[in-house]
PDB file of N, CA and C in Angstrom:
ATOM      1  N   UNK A   1       0.781 102.265  42.957  1.00  0.00           N
ATOM      2  CA  UNK A   1       1.813 103.258  43.203  1.00  0.00           C
ATOM      3  C   UNK A   1       1.523 103.940  44.544  1.00  0.00           C
ATOM      4  N   UNK A   2       2.548 104.180  45.310  1.00  0.00           N
ATOM      5  CA  UNK A   2       2.366 104.766  46.634  1.00  0.00           C
ATOM      6  C   UNK A   2       1.956 106.232  46.535  1.00  0.00           C
ATOM      7  N   UNK A   3       1.414 106.747  47.630  1.00  0.00           N
ATOM      8  CA  UNK A   3       1.014 108.158  47.668  1.00  0.00           C
ATOM      9  C   UNK A   3       2.219 109.073  47.507  1.00  0.00           C
ATOM     10  N   UNK A   4       3.361 108.666  48.052  1.00  0.00           N
ATOM     11  CA  UNK A   4       4.577 109.473  47.908  1.00  0.00           C
ATOM     12  C   UNK A   4       4.947 109.619  46.434  1.00  0.00           C
ATOM     13  N   UNK A   5       4.876 108.521  45.697  1.00  0.00           N
ATOM     14  CA  UNK A   5       5.218 108.573  44.277  1.00  0.00           C
ATOM     15  C   UNK A   5       4.214 109.407  43.492  1.00  0.00           C
ATOM     16  N   UNK A   6       2.961 109.334  43.858  1.00  0.00           N
ATOM     17  CA  UNK A   6       1.937 110.147  43.198  1.00  0.00           C
ATOM     18  C   UNK A   6       2.225 111.628  43.419  1.00  0.00           C
ATOM     19  N   UNK A   7       2.625 111.990  44.621  1.00  0.00           N
ATOM     20  CA  UNK A   7       2.978 113.374  44.918  1.00  0.00           C
ATOM     21  C   UNK A   7       4.216 113.792  44.126  1.00  0.00           C
ATOM     22  N   UNK A   8       5.222 112.928  44.087  1.00  0.00           N
ATOM     23  CA  UNK A   8       6.438 113.243  43.332  1.00  0.00           C
ATOM     24  C   UNK A   8       6.131 113.470  41.854  1.00  0.00           C
ATOM     25  N   UNK A   9       5.184 112.719  41.300  1.00  0.00           N
ATOM     26  CA  UNK A   9       4.812 112.877  39.895  1.00  0.00           C
ATOM     27  C   UNK A   9       4.252 114.270  39.614  1.00  0.00           C
ATOM     28  N   UNK A  10       3.655 114.893  40.610  1.00  0.00           N
ATOM     29  CA  UNK A  10       3.108 116.241  40.437  1.00  0.00           C
ATOM     30  C   UNK A  10       4.196 117.310  40.509  1.00  0.00           C
ATOM     31  N   UNK A  11       5.292 117.019  41.185  1.00  0.00           N
ATOM     32  CA  UNK A  11       6.329 118.010  41.432  1.00  0.00           C
ATOM     33  C   UNK A  11       7.556 117.886  40.540  1.00  0.00           C
ATOM     34  N   UNK A  12       7.805 116.701  40.007  1.00  0.00           N
ATOM     35  CA  UNK A  12       9.056 116.429  39.301  1.00  0.00           C
ATOM     36  C   UNK A  12       8.802 115.953  37.879  1.00  0.00           C
ATOM     37  N   UNK A  13       9.830 116.012  37.029  1.00  0.00           N
ATOM     38  CA  UNK A  13       9.676 115.446  35.691  1.00  0.00           C
ATOM     39  C   UNK A  13       9.270 113.966  35.780  1.00  0.00           C
ATOM     40  N   UNK A  14       8.355 113.570  34.916  1.00  0.00           N
ATOM     41  CA  UNK A  14       7.789 112.223  34.972  1.00  0.00           C
ATOM     42  C   UNK A  14       8.844 111.118  34.871  1.00  0.00           C
ATOM     43  N   UNK A  15       9.866 111.318  34.043  1.00  0.00           N
ATOM     44  CA  UNK A  15      10.883 110.281  33.881  1.00  0.00           C
ATOM     45  C   UNK A  15      11.635 110.010  35.180  1.00  0.00           C
ATOM     46  N   UNK A  16      11.767 111.016  36.049  1.00  0.00           N
ATOM     47  CA  UNK A  16      12.458 110.778  37.326  1.00  0.00           C
ATOM     48  C   UNK A  16      11.699 109.787  38.193  1.00  0.00           C
ATOM     49  N   UNK A  17      10.391 109.928  38.234  1.00  0.00           N
ATOM     50  CA  UNK A  17       9.583 109.031  39.064  1.00  0.00           C
ATOM     51  C   UNK A  17       9.542 107.635  38.449  1.00  0.00           C
ATOM     52  N   UNK A  18       9.499 107.556  37.122  1.00  0.00           N
ATOM     53  CA  UNK A  18       9.385 106.266  36.438  1.00  0.00           C
ATOM     54  C   UNK A  18      10.684 105.461  36.451  1.00  0.00           C
ATOM     55  N   UNK A  19      11.819 106.116  36.259  1.00  0.00           N
ATOM     56  CA  UNK A  19      13.071 105.395  36.039  1.00  0.00           C
ATOM     57  C   UNK A  19      14.132 105.578  37.123  1.00  0.00           C
ATOM     58  N   UNK A  20      13.852 106.418  38.116  1.00  0.00           N
ATOM     59  CA  UNK A  20      14.845 106.691  39.148  1.00  0.00           C
ATOM     60  C   UNK A  20      14.239 106.504  40.526  1.00  0.00           C
ATOM     61  N   UNK A  21      15.068 106.095  41.458  1.00  0.00           N
ATOM     62  CA  UNK A  21      14.670 106.002  42.866  1.00  0.00           C
ATOM     63  C   UNK A  21      15.067 107.297  43.565  1.00  0.00           C
ATOM     64  N   UNK A  22      14.130 107.836  44.347  1.00  0.00           N
ATOM     65  CA  UNK A  22      14.430 108.999  45.175  1.00  0.00           C
ATOM     66  C   UNK A  22      15.249 108.509  46.355  1.00  0.00           C
ATOM     67  N   UNK A  23      16.435 109.077  46.548  1.00  0.00           N
ATOM     68  CA  UNK A  23      17.357 108.614  47.578  1.00  0.00           C
ATOM     69  C   UNK A  23      17.274 109.467  48.839  1.00  0.00           C
ATOM     70  N   UNK A  24      17.371 110.794  48.658  1.00  0.00           N
ATOM     71  CA  UNK A  24      17.322 111.679  49.828  1.00  0.00           C
ATOM     72  C   UNK A  24      17.133 113.107  49.366  1.00  0.00           C
ATOM     73  N   UNK A  25      16.891 113.970  50.333  1.00  0.00           N
ATOM     74  CA  UNK A  25      16.847 115.402  50.073  1.00  0.00           C
ATOM     75  C   UNK A  25      17.610 116.092  51.190  1.00  0.00           C
ATOM     76  N   UNK A  26      18.160 117.252  50.854  1.00  0.00           N
ATOM     77  CA  UNK A  26      18.825 118.057  51.870  1.00  0.00           C
ATOM     78  C   UNK A  26      18.853 119.502  51.418  1.00  0.00           C
ATOM     79  N   UNK A  27      18.865 120.376  52.407  1.00  0.00           N
ATOM     80  CA  UNK A  27      18.938 121.800  52.118  1.00  0.00           C
ATOM     81  C   UNK A  27      20.336 122.288  52.454  1.00  0.00           C
ATOM     82  N   UNK A  28      20.970 122.921  51.468  1.00  0.00           N
ATOM     83  CA  UNK A  28      22.308 123.469  51.655  1.00  0.00           C
ATOM     84  C   UNK A  28      22.349 124.866  51.063  1.00  0.00           C
ATOM     85  N   UNK A  29      22.722 125.832  51.873  1.00  0.00           N
ATOM     86  CA  UNK A  29      22.918 127.212  51.423  1.00  0.00           C
ATOM     87  C   UNK A  29      21.713 127.736  50.644  1.00  0.00           C
ATOM     88  N   UNK A  30      20.517 127.475  51.148  1.00  0.00           N
ATOM     89  CA  UNK A  30      19.302 127.977  50.517  1.00  0.00           C
ATOM     90  C   UNK A  30      18.835 127.203  49.301  1.00  0.00           C
ATOM     91  N   UNK A  31      19.553 126.145  48.945  1.00  0.00           N
ATOM     92  CA  UNK A  31      19.172 125.293  47.816  1.00  0.00           C
ATOM     93  C   UNK A  31      18.598 123.982  48.334  1.00  0.00           C
ATOM     94  N   UNK A  32      17.555 123.503  47.678  1.00  0.00           N
ATOM     95  CA  UNK A  32      16.999 122.192  47.990  1.00  0.00           C
ATOM     96  C   UNK A  32      17.599 121.195  47.011  1.00  0.00           C
ATOM     97  N   UNK A  33      18.379 120.245  47.526  1.00  0.00           N
ATOM     98  CA  UNK A  33      18.995 119.206  46.701  1.00  0.00           C
ATOM     99  C   UNK A  33      18.165 117.935  46.822  1.00  0.00           C
ATOM    100  N   UNK A  34      17.753 117.399  45.671  1.00  0.00           N
ATOM    101  CA  UNK A  34      17.029 116.133  45.612  1.00  0.00           C
ATOM    102  C   UNK A  34      17.920 115.139  44.885  1.00  0.00           C
ATOM    103  N   UNK A  35      18.115 113.967  45.487  1.00  0.00           N
ATOM    104  CA  UNK A  35      19.047 112.977  44.960  1.00  0.00           C
ATOM    105  C   UNK A  35      18.295 111.773  44.390  1.00  0.00           C
ATOM    106  N   UNK A  36      18.717 111.354  43.190  1.00  0.00           N
ATOM    107  CA  UNK A  36      18.092 110.240  42.495  1.00  0.00           C
ATOM    108  C   UNK A  36      19.142 109.302  41.935  1.00  0.00           C
ATOM    109  N   UNK A  37      18.815 107.998  41.949  1.00  0.00           N
ATOM    110  CA  UNK A  37      19.652 106.980  41.316  1.00  0.00           C
ATOM    111  C   UNK A  37      18.781 106.177  40.361  1.00  0.00           C
ATOM    112  N   UNK A  38      19.321 105.914  39.178  1.00  0.00           N
ATOM    113  CA  UNK A  38      18.562 105.138  38.198  1.00  0.00           C
ATOM    114  C   UNK A  38      18.270 103.749  38.752  1.00  0.00           C
ATOM    115  N   UNK A  39      17.035 103.299  38.550  1.00  0.00           N
ATOM    116  CA  UNK A  39      16.628 101.987  39.049  1.00  0.00           C
ATOM    117  C   UNK A  39      17.445 100.884  38.387  1.00  0.00           C
ATOM    118  N   UNK A  40      17.623  99.796  39.110  1.00  0.00           N
ATOM    119  CA  UNK A  40      18.393  98.667  38.603  1.00  0.00           C
ATOM    120  C   UNK A  40      17.470  97.727  37.822  1.00  0.00           C
ATOM    121  N   UNK A  41      16.950  98.244  36.722  1.00  0.00           N
ATOM    122  CA  UNK A  41      16.131  97.429  35.827  1.00  0.00           C
ATOM    123  C   UNK A  41      16.660  97.622  34.413  1.00  0.00           C
ATOM    124  N   UNK A  42      16.901  96.521  33.727  1.00  0.00           N
ATOM    125  CA  UNK A  42      17.504  96.553  32.401  1.00  0.00           C
ATOM    126  C   UNK A  42      16.579  97.316  31.447  1.00  0.00           C
ATOM    127  N   UNK A  43      17.129  98.266  30.700  1.00  0.00           N
ATOM    128  CA  UNK A  43      16.308  99.004  29.736  1.00  0.00           C
ATOM    129  C   UNK A  43      15.688  98.061  28.698  1.00  0.00           C
ATOM    130  N   UNK A  44      14.443  98.333  28.318  1.00  0.00           N
ATOM    131  CA  UNK A  44      13.732  97.493  27.357  1.00  0.00           C
ATOM    132  C   UNK A  44      14.503  97.351  26.049  1.00  0.00           C
ATOM    133  N   UNK A  45      15.167  98.425  25.624  1.00  0.00           N
ATOM    134  CA  UNK A  45      15.894  98.372  24.353  1.00  0.00           C
ATOM    135  C   UNK A  45      17.093  97.413  24.391  1.00  0.00           C
ATOM    136  N   UNK A  46      17.488  96.978  25.592  1.00  0.00           N
ATOM    137  CA  UNK A  46      18.608  96.034  25.727  1.00  0.00           C
ATOM    138  C   UNK A  46      18.166  94.703  26.321  1.00  0.00           C
ATOM    139  N   UNK A  47      16.875  94.409  26.287  1.00  0.00           N
ATOM    140  CA  UNK A  47      16.356  93.209  26.951  1.00  0.00           C
ATOM    141  C   UNK A  47      16.895  91.910  26.350  1.00  0.00           C
ATOM    142  N   UNK A  48      17.383  91.945  25.119  1.00  0.00           N
ATOM    143  CA  UNK A  48      17.916  90.732  24.491  1.00  0.00           C
ATOM    144  C   UNK A  48      19.347  90.428  24.933  1.00  0.00           C
ATOM    145  N   UNK A  49      19.983  91.364  25.626  1.00  0.00           N
ATOM    146  CA  UNK A  49      21.372  91.184  26.066  1.00  0.00           C
ATOM    147  C   UNK A  49      21.420  90.671  27.500  1.00  0.00           C
ATOM    148  N   UNK A  50      22.513  90.008  27.831  1.00  0.00           N
ATOM    149  CA  UNK A  50      22.749  89.548  29.201  1.00  0.00           C
ATOM    150  C   UNK A  50      23.539  90.648  29.914  1.00  0.00           C
ATOM    151  N   UNK A  51      22.818  91.546  30.606  1.00  0.00           N
ATOM    152  CA  UNK A  51      23.447  92.704  31.226  1.00  0.00           C
ATOM    153  C   UNK A  51      23.547  92.548  32.730  1.00  0.00           C
ATOM    154  N   UNK A  52      24.604  93.136  33.270  1.00  0.00           N
ATOM    155  CA  UNK A  52      24.802  93.182  34.715  1.00  0.00           C
ATOM    156  C   UNK A  52      25.109  94.624  35.099  1.00  0.00           C
ATOM    157  N   UNK A  53      24.437  95.113  36.136  1.00  0.00           N
ATOM    158  CA  UNK A  53      24.671  96.479  36.586  1.00  0.00           C
ATOM    159  C   UNK A  53      26.096  96.597  37.113  1.00  0.00           C
ATOM    160  N   UNK A  54      26.770  97.657  36.675  1.00  0.00           N
ATOM    161  CA  UNK A  54      28.157  97.888  37.096  1.00  0.00           C
ATOM    162  C   UNK A  54      28.332  99.296  37.651  1.00  0.00           C
ATOM    163  N   UNK A  55      27.401  99.701  38.490  1.00  0.00           N
ATOM    164  CA  UNK A  55      27.547 100.992  39.162  1.00  0.00           C
ATOM    165  C   UNK A  55      26.928 102.130  38.383  1.00  0.00           C
ATOM    166  N   UNK A  56      27.463 103.329  38.638  1.00  0.00           N
ATOM    167  CA  UNK A  56      26.870 104.544  38.114  1.00  0.00           C
ATOM    168  C   UNK A  56      27.900 105.406  37.404  1.00  0.00           C
ATOM    169  N   UNK A  57      27.385 106.250  36.506  1.00  0.00           N
ATOM    170  CA  UNK A  57      28.199 107.316  35.931  1.00  0.00           C
ATOM    171  C   UNK A  57      28.332 108.405  36.988  1.00  0.00           C
ATOM    172  N   UNK A  58      29.157 109.379  36.719  1.00  0.00           N
ATOM    173  CA  UNK A  58      29.317 110.501  37.635  1.00  0.00           C
ATOM    174  C   UNK A  58      27.980 111.240  37.767  1.00  0.00           C
ATOM    175  N   UNK A  59      27.682 111.653  38.967  1.00  0.00           N
ATOM    176  CA  UNK A  59      26.430 112.368  39.248  1.00  0.00           C
ATOM    177  C   UNK A  59      26.391 113.701  38.499  1.00  0.00           C
ATOM    178  N   UNK A  60      25.207 114.042  37.968  1.00  0.00           N
ATOM    179  CA  UNK A  60      25.019 115.348  37.354  1.00  0.00           C
ATOM    180  C   UNK A  60      24.043 116.152  38.202  1.00  0.00           C
ATOM    181  N   UNK A  61      24.192 117.471  38.196  1.00  0.00           N
ATOM    182  CA  UNK A  61      23.289 118.371  38.926  1.00  0.00           C
ATOM    183  C   UNK A  61      22.566 119.226  37.905  1.00  0.00           C
ATOM    184  N   UNK A  62      21.239 119.244  37.996  1.00  0.00           N
ATOM    185  CA  UNK A  62      20.399 119.933  37.030  1.00  0.00           C
ATOM    186  C   UNK A  62      19.442 120.857  37.786  1.00  0.00           C
ATOM    187  N   UNK A  63      19.301 122.096  37.311  1.00  0.00           N
ATOM    188  CA  UNK A  63      18.342 123.031  37.912  1.00  0.00           C
ATOM    189  C   UNK A  63      16.929 122.660  37.488  1.00  0.00           C
ATOM    190  N   UNK A  64      15.980 122.806  38.407  1.00  0.00           N
ATOM    191  CA  UNK A  64      14.573 122.560  38.103  1.00  0.00           C
ATOM    192  C   UNK A  64      13.738 123.672  38.730  1.00  0.00           C
ATOM    193  N   UNK A  65      12.429 123.594  38.563  1.00  0.00           N
ATOM    194  CA  UNK A  65      11.520 124.601  39.082  1.00  0.00           C
ATOM    195  C   UNK A  65      11.724 124.780  40.586  1.00  0.00           C
ATOM    196  N   UNK A  66      11.675 126.008  41.069  1.00  0.00           N
ATOM    197  CA  UNK A  66      11.756 126.250  42.515  1.00  0.00           C
ATOM    198  C   UNK A  66      10.553 125.645  43.237  1.00  0.00           C
ATOM    199  N   UNK A  67      10.761 125.243  44.479  1.00  0.00           N
ATOM    200  CA  UNK A  67       9.691 124.734  45.332  1.00  0.00           C
ATOM    201  C   UNK A  67       9.651 125.574  46.597  1.00  0.00           C
ATOM    202  N   UNK A  68       8.492 126.130  46.892  1.00  0.00           N
ATOM    203  CA  UNK A  68       8.302 126.927  48.107  1.00  0.00           C
ATOM    204  C   UNK A  68       9.366 128.005  48.257  1.00  0.00           C
ATOM    205  N   UNK A  69       9.721 128.639  47.141  1.00  0.00           N
ATOM    206  CA  UNK A  69      10.671 129.744  47.178  1.00  0.00           C
ATOM    207  C   UNK A  69      12.127 129.323  47.262  1.00  0.00           C
ATOM    208  N   UNK A  70      12.389 128.030  47.174  1.00  0.00           N
ATOM    209  CA  UNK A  70      13.770 127.541  47.233  1.00  0.00           C
ATOM    210  C   UNK A  70      14.184 127.027  45.856  1.00  0.00           C
ATOM    211  N   UNK A  71      15.375 127.398  45.444  1.00  0.00           N
ATOM    212  CA  UNK A  71      15.919 126.852  44.201  1.00  0.00           C
ATOM    213  C   UNK A  71      16.116 125.347  44.372  1.00  0.00           C
ATOM    214  N   UNK A  72      15.907 124.588  43.300  1.00  0.00           N
ATOM    215  CA  UNK A  72      15.981 123.131  43.359  1.00  0.00           C
ATOM    216  C   UNK A  72      17.083 122.623  42.433  1.00  0.00           C
ATOM    217  N   UNK A  73      17.907 121.754  42.968  1.00  0.00           N
ATOM    218  CA  UNK A  73      18.926 121.038  42.195  1.00  0.00           C
ATOM    219  C   UNK A  73      18.557 119.566  42.220  1.00  0.00           C
ATOM    220  N   UNK A  74      18.446 118.973  41.040  1.00  0.00           N
ATOM    221  CA  UNK A  74      18.239 117.534  40.937  1.00  0.00           C
ATOM    222  C   UNK A  74      19.601 116.902  40.734  1.00  0.00           C
ATOM    223  N   UNK A  75      20.017 116.065  41.666  1.00  0.00           N
ATOM    224  CA  UNK A  75      21.303 115.376  41.590  1.00  0.00           C
ATOM    225  C   UNK A  75      21.005 113.953  41.125  1.00  0.00           C
ATOM    226  N   UNK A  76      21.449 113.642  39.905  1.00  0.00           N
ATOM    227  CA  UNK A  76      21.028 112.411  39.236  1.00  0.00           C
ATOM    228  C   UNK A  76      22.224 111.530  38.930  1.00  0.00           C
ATOM    229  N   UNK A  77      22.115 110.261  39.346  1.00  0.00           N
ATOM    230  CA  UNK A  77      23.145 109.263  39.036  1.00  0.00           C
ATOM    231  C   UNK A  77      22.539 108.256  38.063  1.00  0.00           C
ATOM    232  N   UNK A  78      23.127 108.207  36.853  1.00  0.00           N
ATOM    233  CA  UNK A  78      22.663 107.277  35.834  1.00  0.00           C
ATOM    234  C   UNK A  78      23.445 105.978  35.943  1.00  0.00           C
ATOM    235  N   UNK A  79      22.734 104.885  35.767  1.00  0.00           N
ATOM    236  CA  UNK A  79      23.322 103.554  35.898  1.00  0.00           C
ATOM    237  C   UNK A  79      24.008 103.146  34.587  1.00  0.00           C
ATOM    238  N   UNK A  80      24.996 102.277  34.716  1.00  0.00           N
ATOM    239  CA  UNK A  80      25.609 101.675  33.524  1.00  0.00           C
ATOM    240  C   UNK A  80      25.609 100.164  33.693  1.00  0.00           C
ATOM    241  N   UNK A  81      25.471  99.475  32.580  1.00  0.00           N
ATOM    242  CA  UNK A  81      25.449  98.015  32.577  1.00  0.00           C
ATOM    243  C   UNK A  81      26.554  97.486  31.676  1.00  0.00           C
ATOM    244  N   UNK A  82      27.031  96.303  32.018  1.00  0.00           N
ATOM    245  CA  UNK A  82      28.021  95.624  31.194  1.00  0.00           C
ATOM    246  C   UNK A  82      27.350  94.445  30.506  1.00  0.00           C
ATOM    247  N   UNK A  83      27.552  94.353  29.186  1.00  0.00           N
ATOM    248  CA  UNK A  83      27.088  93.191  28.427  1.00  0.00           C
ATOM    249  C   UNK A  83      28.062  92.058  28.746  1.00  0.00           C
ATOM    250  N   UNK A  84      27.570  91.026  29.398  1.00  0.00           N
ATOM    251  CA  UNK A  84      28.440  89.954  29.885  1.00  0.00           C
ATOM    252  C   UNK A  84      29.057  89.152  28.740  1.00  0.00           C
ATOM    253  N   UNK A  85      28.475  89.187  27.563  1.00  0.00           N
ATOM    254  CA  UNK A  85      29.014  88.451  26.414  1.00  0.00           C
ATOM    255  C   UNK A  85      30.140  89.226  25.731  1.00  0.00           C
ATOM    256  N   UNK A  86      29.898  90.508  25.445  1.00  0.00           N
ATOM    257  CA  UNK A  86      30.876  91.301  24.690  1.00  0.00           C
ATOM    258  C   UNK A  86      31.791  92.150  25.578  1.00  0.00           C
ATOM    259  N   UNK A  87      31.351  92.420  26.823  1.00  0.00           N
ATOM    260  CA  UNK A  87      32.116  93.287  27.705  1.00  0.00           C
ATOM    261  C   UNK A  87      31.847  94.766  27.476  1.00  0.00           C
ATOM    262  N   UNK A  88      30.968  95.092  26.523  1.00  0.00           N
ATOM    263  CA  UNK A  88      30.633  96.497  26.234  1.00  0.00           C
ATOM    264  C   UNK A  88      29.787  97.101  27.348  1.00  0.00           C
ATOM    265  N   UNK A  89      29.999  98.393  27.594  1.00  0.00           N
ATOM    266  CA  UNK A  89      29.187  99.144  28.549  1.00  0.00           C
ATOM    267  C   UNK A  89      28.003  99.728  27.788  1.00  0.00           C
ATOM    268  N   UNK A  90      26.802  99.554  28.344  1.00  0.00           N
ATOM    269  CA  UNK A  90      25.605 100.134  27.731  1.00  0.00           C
ATOM    270  C   UNK A  90      24.877 100.985  28.764  1.00  0.00           C
ATOM    271  N   UNK A  91      24.081 101.924  28.264  1.00  0.00           N
ATOM    272  CA  UNK A  91      23.314 102.821  29.126  1.00  0.00           C
ATOM    273  C   UNK A  91      22.118 103.318  28.344  1.00  0.00           C
ATOM    274  N   UNK A  92      21.110 103.778  29.066  1.00  0.00           N
ATOM    275  CA  UNK A  92      19.964 104.410  28.410  1.00  0.00           C
ATOM    276  C   UNK A  92      20.414 105.719  27.799  1.00  0.00           C
ATOM    277  N   UNK A  93      19.759 106.111  26.725  1.00  0.00           N
ATOM    278  CA  UNK A  93      20.040 107.389  26.089  1.00  0.00           C
ATOM    279  C   UNK A  93      19.110 108.425  26.704  1.00  0.00           C
ATOM    280  N   UNK A  94      19.593 109.136  27.728  1.00  0.00           N
ATOM    281  CA  UNK A  94      18.784 110.114  28.446  1.00  0.00           C
ATOM    282  C   UNK A  94      18.954 111.483  27.841  1.00  0.00           C
ATOM    283  N   UNK A  95      17.865 112.220  27.792  1.00  0.00           N
ATOM    284  CA  UNK A  95      17.889 113.617  27.396  1.00  0.00           C
ATOM    285  C   UNK A  95      17.443 114.412  28.624  1.00  0.00           C
ATOM    286  N   UNK A  96      18.275 114.407  29.658  1.00  0.00           N
ATOM    287  CA  UNK A  96      17.896 114.962  30.952  1.00  0.00           C
ATOM    288  C   UNK A  96      17.936 116.472  31.021  1.00  0.00           C
ATOM    289  N   UNK A  97      18.773 117.107  30.206  1.00  0.00           N
ATOM    290  CA  UNK A  97      18.907 118.555  30.312  1.00  0.00           C
ATOM    291  C   UNK A  97      18.656 119.213  28.961  1.00  0.00           C
ATOM    292  N   UNK A  98      18.199 120.447  28.995  1.00  0.00           N
ATOM    293  CA  UNK A  98      17.986 121.224  27.778  1.00  0.00           C
ATOM    294  C   UNK A  98      19.356 121.560  27.174  1.00  0.00           C
ATOM    295  N   UNK A  99      19.445 121.473  25.879  1.00  0.00           N
ATOM    296  CA  UNK A  99      20.705 121.712  25.180  1.00  0.00           C
ATOM    297  C   UNK A  99      21.261 123.096  25.526  1.00  0.00           C
ATOM    298  N   UNK A 100      22.537 123.141  25.874  1.00  0.00           N
ATOM    299  CA  UNK A 100      23.208 124.398  26.179  1.00  0.00           C
ATOM    300  C   UNK A 100      22.921 124.949  27.563  1.00  0.00           C
ATOM    301  N   UNK A 101      22.263 124.146  28.422  1.00  0.00           N
ATOM    302  CA  UNK A 101      21.923 124.604  29.772  1.00  0.00           C
ATOM    303  C   UNK A 101      22.280 123.520  30.779  1.00  0.00           C
ATOM    304  N   UNK A 102      22.014 123.809  32.037  1.00  0.00           N
ATOM    305  CA  UNK A 102      22.082 122.808  33.111  1.00  0.00           C
ATOM    306  C   UNK A 102      20.716 122.768  33.782  1.00  0.00           C
ATOM    307  N   UNK A 103      19.649 122.835  32.947  1.00  0.00           N
ATOM    308  CA  UNK A 103      18.275 122.845  33.439  1.00  0.00           C
ATOM    309  C   UNK A 103      17.495 121.699  32.815  1.00  0.00           C
ATOM    310  N   UNK A 104      16.431 121.286  33.512  1.00  0.00           N
ATOM    311  CA  UNK A 104      15.548 120.293  32.903  1.00  0.00           C
ATOM    312  C   UNK A 104      14.897 120.921  31.678  1.00  0.00           C
ATOM    313  N   UNK A 105      14.465 120.076  30.744  1.00  0.00           N
ATOM    314  CA  UNK A 105      13.802 120.553  29.531  1.00  0.00           C
ATOM    315  C   UNK A 105      12.611 121.441  29.875  1.00  0.00           C
ATOM    316  N   UNK A 106      11.756 120.982  30.796  1.00  0.00           N
ATOM    317  CA  UNK A 106      10.551 121.724  31.161  1.00  0.00           C
ATOM    318  C   UNK A 106      10.877 123.097  31.740  1.00  0.00           C
ATOM    319  N   UNK A 107      11.865 123.152  32.625  1.00  0.00           N
ATOM    320  CA  UNK A 107      12.230 124.420  33.262  1.00  0.00           C
ATOM    321  C   UNK A 107      12.788 125.389  32.219  1.00  0.00           C
ATOM    322  N   UNK A 108      13.633 124.892  31.320  1.00  0.00           N
ATOM    323  CA  UNK A 108      14.204 125.748  30.272  1.00  0.00           C
ATOM    324  C   UNK A 108      13.110 126.289  29.354  1.00  0.00           C
ATOM    325  N   UNK A 109      12.142 125.461  28.985  1.00  0.00           N
ATOM    326  CA  UNK A 109      11.041 125.910  28.138  1.00  0.00           C
ATOM    327  C   UNK A 109      10.194 126.961  28.862  1.00  0.00           C
ATOM    328  N   UNK A 110       9.954 126.749  30.147  1.00  0.00           N
ATOM    329  CA  UNK A 110       9.187 127.711  30.940  1.00  0.00           C
ATOM    330  C   UNK A 110       9.891 129.068  30.955  1.00  0.00           C
ATOM    331  N   UNK A 111      11.187 129.076  31.250  1.00  0.00           N
ATOM    332  CA  UNK A 111      11.935 130.339  31.301  1.00  0.00           C
ATOM    333  C   UNK A 111      11.963 131.019  29.937  1.00  0.00           C
ATOM    334  N   UNK A 112      12.061 130.240  28.888  1.00  0.00           N
ATOM    335  CA  UNK A 112      12.066 130.795  27.536  1.00  0.00           C
ATOM    336  C   UNK A 112      10.729 131.487  27.243  1.00  0.00           C
ATOM    337  N   UNK A 113       9.626 130.863  27.662  1.00  0.00           N
ATOM    338  CA  UNK A 113       8.298 131.441  27.424  1.00  0.00           C
ATOM    339  C   UNK A 113       8.093 132.727  28.218  1.00  0.00           C
ATOM    340  N   UNK A 114       8.485 132.740  29.491  1.00  0.00           N
ATOM    341  CA  UNK A 114       8.228 133.950  30.289  1.00  0.00           C
ATOM    342  C   UNK A 114       9.163 135.089  29.900  1.00  0.00           C
ATOM    343  N   UNK A 115      10.287 134.786  29.296  1.00  0.00           N
ATOM    344  CA  UNK A 115      11.203 135.862  28.894  1.00  0.00           C
ATOM    345  C   UNK A 115      10.666 136.608  27.670  1.00  0.00           C
ATOM    346  N   UNK A 116       9.648 136.072  27.008  1.00  0.00           N
ATOM    347  CA  UNK A 116       9.067 136.738  25.835  1.00  0.00           C
ATOM    348  C   UNK A 116       8.076 137.809  26.230  1.00  0.00           C
ATOM    349  N   UNK A 117       7.632 137.831  27.488  1.00  0.00           N
ATOM    350  CA  UNK A 117       6.616 138.801  27.918  1.00  0.00           C
ATOM    351  C   UNK A 117       7.226 140.090  28.400  1.00  0.00           C
TER     352      UNK A 117
END
């Protein structure tokens, strides 16, 4: 694994580094936007199917821990595949955001813990 990926593993949720490609970053209006696209590798749970990548779902934006005093938005594009035999669309079952929020699970849990003090 490259040094860049090792660094990303320290800063970002582990699933982003494992299953998504980092595309770009940009700063807009005091926010740091990090862009990710799901890797083009067939999910293990669908390995028995003949799947072909057919683009992405609509991008989602999720709040994550601030970095260097800047709010962070993770912009994530999840891939979809078509089963070439049945024509059905399949996708990984991601739990990217905490229920009822637009935050990563880790960030939501952190905020919940500090609000108790």
